[in-house]
Amino acid sequence: MRTSANDTRRGGARRWWALAGFAAAVGVAAALGNLAAAGAADEYRSIEQPAWAPPSWLFGPVWTVLYVTIALAGWLVWRRVGLGPAVLAWVVQLVLNAAWTPLFFGAGRYGLAFAEIVLLWLAIGVTILLFRRISTAAAVLLLPYWAWVTFAAALNYSIWQLNA
């Protein structure tokens, strides 16, 4: 069966629309975090922190890069297998990602935020394992995210202990 140029264009357009959809999903997660974190920089500066805590200005650039890699990883897997367990795991980790900021900054519930970030860390690990079976590139794209969340969990725990 031959594929027409029109079919190829439609398939290509569908791929790019899907990438836009993955980017939009990540954008929504980021926006929810930003809404909940109004005044987060001031709050972050006002709480007791460990000596190794990064400055508040660093979080925006780091998360921007990470959100791009999260969207790309999800899209790469979707291109290979469509919707399925791996993409569902991606959605779960993204929902958990969006939930952390309101708990930590919005509610000031550092202990609950720590429990939630542990769930996020586990969900990212499961997502990486599922992605690895489908696309090594997608799994590798999530490794810096997992590393950052590992660091963020340690920071969250330290802040919780210092401010209890």
N, C-alpha and C. Protein backbone atom coordinates (compact mmCIF):
# COMPACT_ATOMS: atom_id res chain seq x y z
N MET A 1 0.84 -1.17 0.00
CA MET A 1 0.00 0.00 0.00
C MET A 1 0.88 1.23 0.00
N ARG A 2 0.62 2.15 -0.89
CA ARG A 2 1.40 3.38 -0.98
C ARG A 2 0.77 4.46 -0.12
N THR A 3 1.62 5.29 0.42
CA THR A 3 1.15 6.41 1.22
C THR A 3 1.23 7.66 0.37
N SER A 4 0.15 8.39 0.33
CA SER A 4 0.14 9.62 -0.46
C SER A 4 0.85 10.73 0.31
N ALA A 5 1.26 11.75 -0.42
CA ALA A 5 1.91 12.90 0.20
C ALA A 5 0.95 13.57 1.18
N ASN A 6 -0.33 13.55 0.86
CA ASN A 6 -1.34 14.15 1.73
C ASN A 6 -1.41 13.40 3.06
N ASP A 7 -1.38 12.05 3.02
CA ASP A 7 -1.40 11.25 4.25
C ASP A 7 -0.16 11.54 5.09
N THR A 8 0.98 11.67 4.45
CA THR A 8 2.22 11.95 5.16
C THR A 8 2.16 13.31 5.84
N ARG A 9 1.62 14.30 5.14
CA ARG A 9 1.47 15.64 5.73
C ARG A 9 0.54 15.60 6.93
N ARG A 10 -0.58 14.88 6.81
CA ARG A 10 -1.52 14.78 7.93
C ARG A 10 -0.86 14.10 9.12
N GLY A 11 -0.12 13.02 8.86
CA GLY A 11 0.58 12.32 9.95
C GLY A 11 1.62 13.21 10.60
N GLY A 12 2.33 13.98 9.78
CA GLY A 12 3.33 14.91 10.31
C GLY A 12 2.67 15.99 11.14
N ALA A 13 1.56 16.51 10.65
CA ALA A 13 0.84 17.53 11.40
C ALA A 13 0.33 16.96 12.71
N ARG A 14 -0.16 15.74 12.68
CA ARG A 14 -0.66 15.09 13.90
C ARG A 14 0.46 14.96 14.94
N ARG A 15 1.66 14.59 14.47
CA ARG A 15 2.81 14.47 15.38
C ARG A 15 3.11 15.80 16.06
N TRP A 16 3.11 16.88 15.27
CA TRP A 16 3.44 18.20 15.85
C TRP A 16 2.33 18.68 16.78
N TRP A 17 1.08 18.39 16.44
CA TRP A 17 -0.03 18.76 17.34
C TRP A 17 0.10 17.98 18.64
N ALA A 18 0.51 16.73 18.55
CA ALA A 18 0.70 15.93 19.76
C ALA A 18 1.81 16.52 20.63
N LEU A 19 2.90 16.94 20.00
CA LEU A 19 3.98 17.58 20.76
C LEU A 19 3.45 18.84 21.45
N ALA A 20 2.65 19.60 20.74
CA ALA A 20 2.04 20.80 21.34
C ALA A 20 1.16 20.41 22.53
N GLY A 21 0.46 19.28 22.41
CA GLY A 21 -0.38 18.80 23.50
C GLY A 21 0.44 18.41 24.72
N PHE A 22 1.56 17.72 24.51
CA PHE A 22 2.44 17.36 25.62
C PHE A 22 3.02 18.62 26.26
N ALA A 23 3.41 19.58 25.43
CA ALA A 23 3.93 20.85 25.95
C ALA A 23 2.85 21.59 26.73
N ALA A 24 1.62 21.57 26.24
CA ALA A 24 0.52 22.23 26.93
C ALA A 24 0.25 21.57 28.28
N ALA A 25 0.28 20.24 28.32
CA ALA A 25 0.06 19.53 29.59
C ALA A 25 1.12 19.92 30.61
N VAL A 26 2.36 19.98 30.18
CA VAL A 26 3.44 20.39 31.08
C VAL A 26 3.26 21.86 31.46
N GLY A 27 2.84 22.67 30.50
CA GLY A 27 2.59 24.08 30.79
C GLY A 27 1.50 24.27 31.84
N VAL A 28 0.47 23.46 31.78
CA VAL A 28 -0.60 23.53 32.78
C VAL A 28 -0.04 23.17 34.16
N ALA A 29 0.76 22.10 34.22
CA ALA A 29 1.36 21.72 35.50
C ALA A 29 2.23 22.85 36.05
N ALA A 30 3.01 23.46 35.19
CA ALA A 30 3.86 24.57 35.61
C ALA A 30 3.03 25.77 36.05
N ALA A 31 1.97 26.07 35.31
CA ALA A 31 1.12 27.21 35.65
C ALA A 31 0.43 27.00 36.99
N LEU A 32 -0.04 25.79 37.25
CA LEU A 32 -0.67 25.50 38.55
C LEU A 32 0.33 25.73 39.67
N GLY A 33 1.55 25.28 39.45
CA GLY A 33 2.59 25.51 40.45
C GLY A 33 2.86 26.99 40.65
N ASN A 34 2.90 27.75 39.56
CA ASN A 34 3.16 29.19 39.66
C ASN A 34 2.03 29.91 40.38
N LEU A 35 0.79 29.50 40.11
CA LEU A 35 -0.35 30.12 40.80
C LEU A 35 -0.28 29.87 42.30
N ALA A 36 0.07 28.65 42.66
CA ALA A 36 0.14 28.30 44.07
C ALA A 36 1.36 28.91 44.75
N ALA A 37 2.32 29.31 43.96
CA ALA A 37 3.59 29.79 44.51
C ALA A 37 3.71 31.30 44.47
N ALA A 38 2.58 32.00 44.40
CA ALA A 38 2.66 33.46 44.44
C ALA A 38 3.35 33.85 45.74
N GLY A 39 4.39 34.60 45.63
CA GLY A 39 5.16 34.99 46.81
C GLY A 39 6.12 33.91 47.29
N ALA A 40 6.35 32.88 46.48
CA ALA A 40 7.21 31.77 46.90
C ALA A 40 8.64 32.23 47.15
N ALA A 41 9.13 33.14 46.33
CA ALA A 41 10.52 33.59 46.52
C ALA A 41 10.69 34.25 47.88
N ASP A 42 9.72 35.06 48.27
CA ASP A 42 9.79 35.70 49.59
C ASP A 42 9.67 34.67 50.70
N GLU A 43 8.75 33.73 50.54
CA GLU A 43 8.59 32.68 51.55
C GLU A 43 9.85 31.83 51.65
N TYR A 44 10.41 31.49 50.50
CA TYR A 44 11.63 30.66 50.48
C TYR A 44 12.76 31.37 51.23
N ARG A 45 12.88 32.68 51.02
CA ARG A 45 13.93 33.43 51.70
C ARG A 45 13.67 33.54 53.21
N SER A 46 12.39 33.51 53.60
CA SER A 46 12.05 33.74 55.01
C SER A 46 12.12 32.49 55.87
N ILE A 47 12.13 31.31 55.27
CA ILE A 47 12.17 30.09 56.07
C ILE A 47 13.61 29.68 56.35
N GLU A 48 13.77 28.94 57.42
CA GLU A 48 15.10 28.44 57.75
C GLU A 48 15.47 27.36 56.74
N GLN A 49 16.69 27.46 56.20
CA GLN A 49 17.15 26.54 55.14
C GLN A 49 18.51 25.97 55.49
N PRO A 50 18.83 24.82 54.92
CA PRO A 50 20.19 24.30 55.11
C PRO A 50 21.19 25.18 54.34
N ALA A 51 22.43 25.10 54.71
CA ALA A 51 23.47 25.92 54.09
C ALA A 51 23.61 25.65 52.59
N TRP A 52 23.23 24.45 52.16
CA TRP A 52 23.40 24.05 50.77
C TRP A 52 22.18 24.38 49.89
N ALA A 53 21.21 25.08 50.45
CA ALA A 53 20.02 25.44 49.67
C ALA A 53 20.39 26.42 48.55
N PRO A 54 19.89 26.18 47.35
CA PRO A 54 20.20 27.10 46.24
C PRO A 54 19.41 28.40 46.37
N PRO A 55 19.87 29.45 45.68
CA PRO A 55 19.11 30.70 45.70
C PRO A 55 17.78 30.53 44.94
N SER A 56 16.79 31.31 45.32
CA SER A 56 15.45 31.16 44.73
C SER A 56 15.44 31.40 43.22
N TRP A 57 16.32 32.26 42.72
CA TRP A 57 16.32 32.58 41.28
C TRP A 57 16.69 31.37 40.42
N LEU A 58 17.33 30.36 41.00
CA LEU A 58 17.78 29.21 40.24
C LEU A 58 16.63 28.28 39.82
N PHE A 59 15.56 28.27 40.59
CA PHE A 59 14.48 27.31 40.34
C PHE A 59 13.78 27.53 39.00
N GLY A 60 13.53 28.77 38.63
CA GLY A 60 12.85 29.05 37.36
C GLY A 60 13.59 28.51 36.14
N PRO A 61 14.86 28.86 35.97
CA PRO A 61 15.60 28.33 34.82
C PRO A 61 15.71 26.80 34.82
N VAL A 62 15.94 26.22 36.00
CA VAL A 62 16.07 24.76 36.06
C VAL A 62 14.76 24.11 35.65
N TRP A 63 13.64 24.58 36.21
CA TRP A 63 12.36 23.96 35.88
C TRP A 63 11.97 24.19 34.44
N THR A 64 12.35 25.30 33.87
CA THR A 64 12.05 25.54 32.44
C THR A 64 12.69 24.46 31.58
N VAL A 65 13.96 24.19 31.81
CA VAL A 65 14.66 23.15 31.06
C VAL A 65 14.04 21.78 31.33
N LEU A 66 13.76 21.50 32.60
CA LEU A 66 13.20 20.20 32.94
C LEU A 66 11.82 19.99 32.33
N TYR A 67 10.99 21.02 32.33
CA TYR A 67 9.66 20.88 31.73
C TYR A 67 9.74 20.61 30.23
N VAL A 68 10.71 21.20 29.56
CA VAL A 68 10.89 20.92 28.13
C VAL A 68 11.26 19.44 27.94
N THR A 69 12.18 18.94 28.76
CA THR A 69 12.59 17.54 28.61
C THR A 69 11.46 16.57 28.99
N ILE A 70 10.64 16.94 29.97
CA ILE A 70 9.50 16.10 30.36
C ILE A 70 8.51 16.00 29.20
N ALA A 71 8.22 17.12 28.56
CA ALA A 71 7.29 17.12 27.42
C ALA A 71 7.86 16.30 26.26
N LEU A 72 9.12 16.51 25.94
CA LEU A 72 9.74 15.76 24.84
C LEU A 72 9.75 14.26 25.11
N ALA A 73 10.06 13.87 26.33
CA ALA A 73 10.10 12.45 26.67
C ALA A 73 8.73 11.81 26.49
N GLY A 74 7.70 12.46 27.00
CA GLY A 74 6.35 11.92 26.85
C GLY A 74 5.96 11.79 25.39
N TRP A 75 6.28 12.80 24.62
CA TRP A 75 5.95 12.81 23.19
C TRP A 75 6.69 11.70 22.44
N LEU A 76 7.96 11.51 22.76
CA LEU A 76 8.73 10.45 22.08
C LEU A 76 8.12 9.07 22.33
N VAL A 77 7.69 8.84 23.55
CA VAL A 77 7.07 7.55 23.86
C VAL A 77 5.72 7.44 23.16
N TRP A 78 4.92 8.49 23.22
CA TRP A 78 3.62 8.48 22.55
C TRP A 78 3.77 8.18 21.06
N ARG A 79 4.79 8.76 20.42
CA ARG A 79 5.01 8.52 18.99
C ARG A 79 5.25 7.05 18.70
N ARG A 80 5.89 6.36 19.62
CA ARG A 80 6.20 4.93 19.40
C ARG A 80 5.03 4.01 19.70
N VAL A 81 4.30 4.28 20.80
CA VAL A 81 3.29 3.32 21.24
C VAL A 81 1.90 3.92 21.44
N GLY A 82 1.78 5.23 21.29
CA GLY A 82 0.48 5.84 21.54
C GLY A 82 0.17 5.86 23.03
N LEU A 83 -1.10 5.98 23.33
CA LEU A 83 -1.51 5.99 24.73
C LEU A 83 -1.42 4.58 25.29
N GLY A 84 -0.97 4.48 26.51
CA GLY A 84 -0.81 3.17 27.14
C GLY A 84 -0.24 3.36 28.53
N PRO A 85 0.23 2.28 29.15
CA PRO A 85 0.75 2.35 30.52
C PRO A 85 1.89 3.36 30.70
N ALA A 86 2.78 3.44 29.75
CA ALA A 86 3.93 4.36 29.89
C ALA A 86 3.46 5.81 29.89
N VAL A 87 2.56 6.16 28.99
CA VAL A 87 2.06 7.53 28.95
C VAL A 87 1.18 7.81 30.18
N LEU A 88 0.45 6.81 30.64
CA LEU A 88 -0.33 6.98 31.88
C LEU A 88 0.61 7.27 33.05
N ALA A 89 1.72 6.56 33.14
CA ALA A 89 2.70 6.83 34.20
C ALA A 89 3.23 8.25 34.07
N TRP A 90 3.44 8.71 32.83
CA TRP A 90 3.89 10.08 32.60
C TRP A 90 2.86 11.08 33.13
N VAL A 91 1.59 10.81 32.90
CA VAL A 91 0.52 11.69 33.38
C VAL A 91 0.49 11.70 34.91
N VAL A 92 0.62 10.53 35.52
CA VAL A 92 0.60 10.44 36.98
C VAL A 92 1.72 11.27 37.59
N GLN A 93 2.93 11.12 37.06
CA GLN A 93 4.04 11.90 37.63
C GLN A 93 3.83 13.38 37.41
N LEU A 94 3.21 13.76 36.29
CA LEU A 94 2.97 15.18 36.03
C LEU A 94 1.95 15.75 37.01
N VAL A 95 0.91 14.98 37.31
CA VAL A 95 -0.09 15.41 38.31
C VAL A 95 0.57 15.56 39.68
N LEU A 96 1.41 14.59 40.05
CA LEU A 96 2.12 14.69 41.32
C LEU A 96 3.07 15.89 41.33
N ASN A 97 3.69 16.16 40.20
CA ASN A 97 4.56 17.32 40.08
C ASN A 97 3.77 18.60 40.35
N ALA A 98 2.59 18.71 39.75
CA ALA A 98 1.76 19.91 39.92
C ALA A 98 1.26 20.05 41.35
N ALA A 99 1.10 18.95 42.06
CA ALA A 99 0.55 18.99 43.41
C ALA A 99 1.56 19.43 44.47
N TRP A 100 2.84 19.30 44.20
CA TRP A 100 3.83 19.58 45.24
C TRP A 100 3.87 21.05 45.63
N THR A 101 3.91 21.94 44.68
CA THR A 101 4.07 23.37 44.98
C THR A 101 2.94 23.91 45.86
N PRO A 102 1.67 23.59 45.56
CA PRO A 102 0.61 24.09 46.46
C PRO A 102 0.75 23.56 47.90
N LEU A 103 1.24 22.34 48.04
CA LEU A 103 1.43 21.80 49.39
C LEU A 103 2.57 22.51 50.12
N PHE A 104 3.69 22.70 49.43
CA PHE A 104 4.87 23.28 50.07
C PHE A 104 4.70 24.78 50.27
N PHE A 105 4.43 25.51 49.19
CA PHE A 105 4.37 26.96 49.28
C PHE A 105 2.97 27.48 49.60
N GLY A 106 1.96 26.94 48.92
CA GLY A 106 0.60 27.44 49.13
C GLY A 106 0.10 27.16 50.54
N ALA A 107 0.30 25.93 51.02
CA ALA A 107 -0.22 25.53 52.33
C ALA A 107 0.85 25.54 53.43
N GLY A 108 2.12 25.60 53.04
CA GLY A 108 3.19 25.56 54.03
C GLY A 108 3.25 24.24 54.78
N ARG A 109 2.79 23.19 54.15
CA ARG A 109 2.74 21.85 54.76
C ARG A 109 3.98 21.07 54.34
N TYR A 110 5.11 21.39 54.93
CA TYR A 110 6.39 20.84 54.52
C TYR A 110 6.46 19.32 54.68
N GLY A 111 5.89 18.78 55.75
CA GLY A 111 5.89 17.33 55.95
C GLY A 111 5.04 16.61 54.92
N LEU A 112 3.85 17.14 54.68
CA LEU A 112 2.97 16.55 53.66
C LEU A 112 3.60 16.69 52.28
N ALA A 113 4.23 17.83 52.02
CA ALA A 113 4.91 18.03 50.74
C ALA A 113 6.05 17.02 50.58
N PHE A 114 6.74 16.71 51.68
CA PHE A 114 7.80 15.71 51.59
C PHE A 114 7.23 14.33 51.24
N ALA A 115 6.14 13.95 51.88
CA ALA A 115 5.51 12.65 51.56
C ALA A 115 5.08 12.64 50.09
N GLU A 116 4.57 13.74 49.61
CA GLU A 116 4.12 13.83 48.23
C GLU A 116 5.30 13.76 47.26
N ILE A 117 6.40 14.41 47.60
CA ILE A 117 7.56 14.39 46.69
C ILE A 117 8.20 13.00 46.64
N VAL A 118 8.07 12.24 47.72
CA VAL A 118 8.55 10.84 47.69
C VAL A 118 7.70 10.05 46.69
N LEU A 119 6.39 10.27 46.70
CA LEU A 119 5.53 9.62 45.70
C LEU A 119 5.90 10.07 44.29
N LEU A 120 6.18 11.36 44.13
CA LEU A 120 6.60 11.88 42.83
C LEU A 120 7.89 11.21 42.38
N TRP A 121 8.85 11.09 43.29
CA TRP A 121 10.13 10.46 42.96
C TRP A 121 9.91 9.02 42.49
N LEU A 122 9.06 8.29 43.20
CA LEU A 122 8.76 6.91 42.81
C LEU A 122 8.06 6.87 41.44
N ALA A 123 7.13 7.78 41.23
CA ALA A 123 6.40 7.82 39.95
C ALA A 123 7.34 8.13 38.79
N ILE A 124 8.30 9.02 39.01
CA ILE A 124 9.29 9.31 37.96
C ILE A 124 10.12 8.06 37.67
N GLY A 125 10.52 7.36 38.72
CA GLY A 125 11.29 6.12 38.53
C GLY A 125 10.52 5.09 37.72
N VAL A 126 9.24 4.90 38.04
CA VAL A 126 8.41 3.96 37.28
C VAL A 126 8.30 4.43 35.83
N THR A 127 8.10 5.72 35.63
CA THR A 127 8.00 6.26 34.28
C THR A 127 9.28 6.01 33.49
N ILE A 128 10.41 6.23 34.10
CA ILE A 128 11.70 5.98 33.44
C ILE A 128 11.83 4.50 33.06
N LEU A 129 11.47 3.62 33.97
CA LEU A 129 11.55 2.19 33.66
C LEU A 129 10.65 1.81 32.48
N LEU A 130 9.42 2.32 32.49
CA LEU A 130 8.51 2.03 31.39
C LEU A 130 8.98 2.67 30.08
N PHE A 131 9.50 3.89 30.17
CA PHE A 131 9.99 4.58 28.98
C PHE A 131 11.20 3.86 28.40
N ARG A 132 12.06 3.33 29.25
CA ARG A 132 13.29 2.67 28.79
C ARG A 132 12.98 1.50 27.87
N ARG A 133 11.88 0.82 28.12
CA ARG A 133 11.48 -0.31 27.27
C ARG A 133 11.04 0.14 25.88
N ILE A 134 10.69 1.41 25.77
CA ILE A 134 10.14 1.93 24.52
C ILE A 134 11.13 2.84 23.80
N SER A 135 11.77 3.73 24.57
CA SER A 135 12.69 4.71 23.98
C SER A 135 13.77 5.07 25.00
N THR A 136 14.99 4.66 24.71
CA THR A 136 16.10 5.02 25.58
C THR A 136 16.25 6.53 25.67
N ALA A 137 16.07 7.21 24.57
CA ALA A 137 16.20 8.68 24.57
C ALA A 137 15.19 9.31 25.52
N ALA A 138 13.96 8.83 25.51
CA ALA A 138 12.92 9.37 26.39
C ALA A 138 13.29 9.12 27.85
N ALA A 139 13.78 7.94 28.15
CA ALA A 139 14.18 7.62 29.53
C ALA A 139 15.33 8.53 29.97
N VAL A 140 16.30 8.71 29.10
CA VAL A 140 17.46 9.55 29.43
C VAL A 140 17.03 11.01 29.64
N LEU A 141 16.07 11.47 28.86
CA LEU A 141 15.57 12.85 29.03
C LEU A 141 14.97 13.08 30.42
N LEU A 142 14.49 12.02 31.05
CA LEU A 142 13.89 12.17 32.38
C LEU A 142 14.90 12.07 33.52
N LEU A 143 16.12 11.63 33.24
CA LEU A 143 17.11 11.45 34.31
C LEU A 143 17.47 12.75 35.03
N PRO A 144 17.68 13.88 34.33
CA PRO A 144 17.96 15.12 35.07
C PRO A 144 16.78 15.55 35.96
N TYR A 145 15.58 15.32 35.49
CA TYR A 145 14.37 15.59 36.27
C TYR A 145 14.38 14.75 37.55
N TRP A 146 14.65 13.47 37.42
CA TRP A 146 14.69 12.59 38.58
C TRP A 146 15.79 13.03 39.56
N ALA A 147 16.92 13.42 39.03
CA ALA A 147 18.02 13.90 39.87
C ALA A 147 17.62 15.18 40.61
N TRP A 148 16.98 16.10 39.90
CA TRP A 148 16.55 17.36 40.53
C TRP A 148 15.51 17.10 41.61
N VAL A 149 14.57 16.20 41.34
CA VAL A 149 13.55 15.88 42.34
C VAL A 149 14.19 15.18 43.54
N THR A 150 15.23 14.41 43.32
CA THR A 150 15.97 13.81 44.43
C THR A 150 16.56 14.91 45.32
N PHE A 151 17.19 15.89 44.68
CA PHE A 151 17.74 17.03 45.40
C PHE A 151 16.63 17.82 46.09
N ALA A 152 15.53 18.07 45.38
CA ALA A 152 14.41 18.83 45.94
C ALA A 152 13.80 18.11 47.14
N ALA A 153 13.74 16.77 47.08
CA ALA A 153 13.21 16.01 48.21
C ALA A 153 14.11 16.18 49.43
N ALA A 154 15.43 16.12 49.23
CA ALA A 154 16.36 16.32 50.34
C ALA A 154 16.22 17.72 50.91
N LEU A 155 16.07 18.70 50.04
CA LEU A 155 15.88 20.08 50.49
C LEU A 155 14.56 20.21 51.24
N ASN A 156 13.49 19.65 50.69
CA ASN A 156 12.17 19.67 51.33
C ASN A 156 12.27 19.06 52.74
N TYR A 157 12.91 17.91 52.84
CA TYR A 157 13.05 17.25 54.13
C TYR A 157 13.81 18.14 55.13
N SER A 158 14.91 18.72 54.67
CA SER A 158 15.71 19.57 55.54
C SER A 158 14.92 20.79 56.00
N ILE A 159 14.20 21.41 55.10
CA ILE A 159 13.38 22.57 55.46
C ILE A 159 12.30 22.17 56.45
N TRP A 160 11.69 21.03 56.21
CA TRP A 160 10.66 20.53 57.12
C TRP A 160 11.24 20.37 58.54
N GLN A 161 12.41 19.76 58.63
CA GLN A 161 13.03 19.54 59.93
C GLN A 161 13.46 20.84 60.60
N LEU A 162 13.99 21.76 59.81
CA LEU A 162 14.46 23.03 60.37
C LEU A 162 13.32 23.95 60.78
N ASN A 163 12.15 23.77 60.20
CA ASN A 163 11.03 24.67 60.46
C ASN A 163 9.87 24.00 61.21
N ALA A 164 10.14 22.85 61.79
CA ALA A 164 9.07 22.12 62.50
C ALA A 164 8.75 22.77 63.83
